[in-house]
């Protein structure tokens, strides 16, 4: 599978999806002009990954901020991950960032995946 590697910008997160090395991470700020268009390649990649996933998938979210439109797409990504056996989520947030912690908790209640909450 091709690796998706996007450098983050002020408005878009860094995304690294690398099946071979077992690295699945979205980090930074997410407020792209068109969230659906921005995240579509990620959703397409996950659809392909589902056909032959690694035995374990640790998907890491290290988001500092995301807007409402991104929130729906993050939920879509998490929903897609639900179909992949052996998937776990590491949800990082700054120790004093209650909003990001609560966002992760809300996602964890909506999605049937194991979440681990970590601070940095």
Protein backbone atom coordinates (compact mmCIF):
# COMPACT_ATOMS: atom_id res chain seq x y z
CA UNK A 1 0.00 0.00 0.00
CA UNK A 2 1.07 3.53 -0.67
CA UNK A 3 2.10 5.64 2.29
CA UNK A 4 0.14 8.81 2.95
CA UNK A 5 2.49 11.44 4.33
CA UNK A 6 1.23 15.00 4.53
CA UNK A 7 3.16 17.74 6.27
CA UNK A 8 1.04 19.80 8.61
CA UNK A 9 0.31 23.46 7.98
CA UNK A 10 -1.28 26.15 10.09
CA UNK A 11 -4.71 24.90 8.99
CA UNK A 12 -4.17 21.21 8.23
CA UNK A 13 -2.85 18.36 10.35
CA UNK A 14 0.20 16.24 9.70
CA UNK A 15 -0.99 12.83 8.54
CA UNK A 16 1.14 9.71 8.33
CA UNK A 17 -0.42 6.39 7.33
CA UNK A 18 2.29 3.77 6.86
CA UNK A 19 1.09 0.17 6.97
CA UNK A 20 4.56 -1.31 6.54
CA UNK A 21 5.97 0.44 9.60
CA UNK A 22 2.71 0.34 11.57
CA UNK A 23 2.47 4.11 11.90
CA UNK A 24 -0.99 5.68 11.82
CA UNK A 25 -1.06 9.26 13.09
CA UNK A 26 -2.94 12.52 12.70
CA UNK A 27 -1.46 15.47 14.56
CA UNK A 28 -1.60 19.25 14.73
CA UNK A 29 -4.43 21.61 13.87
CA UNK A 30 -7.37 20.68 11.66
CA UNK A 31 -9.34 23.50 10.11
CA UNK A 32 -9.05 22.94 6.36
CA UNK A 33 -11.25 24.98 4.06
CA UNK A 34 -12.98 21.83 2.82
CA UNK A 35 -12.70 19.11 5.47
CA UNK A 36 -14.50 16.49 3.39
CA UNK A 37 -12.14 16.97 0.46
CA UNK A 38 -9.07 17.09 2.71
CA UNK A 39 -9.88 13.87 4.58
CA UNK A 40 -11.24 11.86 1.61
CA UNK A 41 -7.82 10.35 0.75
CA UNK A 42 -7.51 9.17 4.37
CA UNK A 43 -10.93 7.52 4.26
CA UNK A 44 -10.11 5.94 0.89
CA UNK A 45 -6.79 4.66 2.26
CA UNK A 46 -8.54 3.12 5.27
CA UNK A 47 -11.04 1.37 2.98
CA UNK A 48 -8.10 -0.23 1.17
CA UNK A 49 -6.31 -1.00 4.46
CA UNK A 50 -9.40 -2.83 5.78
CA UNK A 51 -8.95 -5.48 3.09
CA UNK A 52 -5.61 -6.59 4.56
CA UNK A 53 -4.92 -4.87 7.89
CA UNK A 54 -1.98 -5.43 10.20
CA UNK A 55 -2.72 -7.80 13.13
CA UNK A 56 -2.72 -4.73 15.38
CA UNK A 57 -3.41 -1.12 14.46
CA UNK A 58 -2.54 1.66 16.88
CA UNK A 59 -4.01 4.89 15.52
CA UNK A 60 -2.65 8.01 17.21
CA UNK A 61 -4.46 11.34 17.40
CA UNK A 62 -2.36 14.28 18.62
CA UNK A 63 -4.65 17.12 17.69
CA UNK A 64 -4.18 20.55 19.21
CA UNK A 65 -7.39 21.92 17.72
CA UNK A 66 -10.06 20.96 15.22
CA UNK A 67 -13.12 22.79 13.91
CA UNK A 68 -16.67 21.46 13.74
CA UNK A 69 -16.36 20.31 10.13
CA UNK A 70 -13.19 18.35 10.98
CA UNK A 71 -14.97 16.80 13.96
CA UNK A 72 -17.40 14.98 11.67
CA UNK A 73 -14.56 13.67 9.50
CA UNK A 74 -12.60 12.51 12.55
CA UNK A 75 -15.71 10.62 13.59
CA UNK A 76 -15.89 9.13 10.08
CA UNK A 77 -12.26 8.00 10.39
CA UNK A 78 -12.95 6.45 13.80
CA UNK A 79 -16.08 4.74 12.43
CA UNK A 80 -14.01 3.29 9.61
CA UNK A 81 -11.45 2.01 12.13
CA UNK A 82 -14.22 0.19 14.05
CA UNK A 83 -14.32 -2.37 11.23
CA UNK A 84 -10.63 -3.25 11.65
CA UNK A 85 -10.00 -5.97 14.21
CA UNK A 86 -7.22 -5.23 16.70
CA UNK A 87 -7.46 -1.44 16.44
CA UNK A 88 -6.70 0.79 19.41
CA UNK A 89 -6.74 4.57 19.68
CA UNK A 90 -4.21 6.72 21.52
CA UNK A 91 -5.77 10.13 22.07
CA UNK A 92 -3.21 12.73 23.13
CA UNK A 93 -4.00 16.13 24.59
CA UNK A 94 -2.14 18.81 26.46
CA UNK A 95 -2.52 18.37 30.18
CA UNK A 96 -4.47 21.62 30.60
CA UNK A 97 -6.60 21.22 27.44
CA UNK A 98 -9.95 20.08 28.80
CA UNK A 99 -11.71 20.66 25.46
CA UNK A 100 -9.49 18.19 23.61
CA UNK A 101 -9.73 15.68 26.45
CA UNK A 102 -13.55 15.94 26.42
CA UNK A 103 -13.64 15.63 22.62
CA UNK A 104 -11.72 12.36 22.88
CA UNK A 105 -14.04 11.12 25.61
CA UNK A 106 -17.08 11.94 23.48
CA UNK A 107 -15.62 10.09 20.50
CA UNK A 108 -14.83 7.11 22.73
CA UNK A 109 -18.48 6.93 23.81
CA UNK A 110 -19.68 6.95 20.19
CA UNK A 111 -17.16 4.47 18.83
CA UNK A 112 -16.66 0.85 19.83
CA UNK A 113 -12.86 0.96 20.05
CA UNK A 114 -10.40 0.87 22.91
CA UNK A 115 -9.22 4.43 23.67
CA UNK A 116 -6.22 5.33 25.76
CA UNK A 117 -5.92 8.94 26.88
CA UNK A 118 -2.44 10.38 27.18
CA UNK A 119 -1.09 13.81 27.99
CA UNK A 120 1.95 15.53 26.57
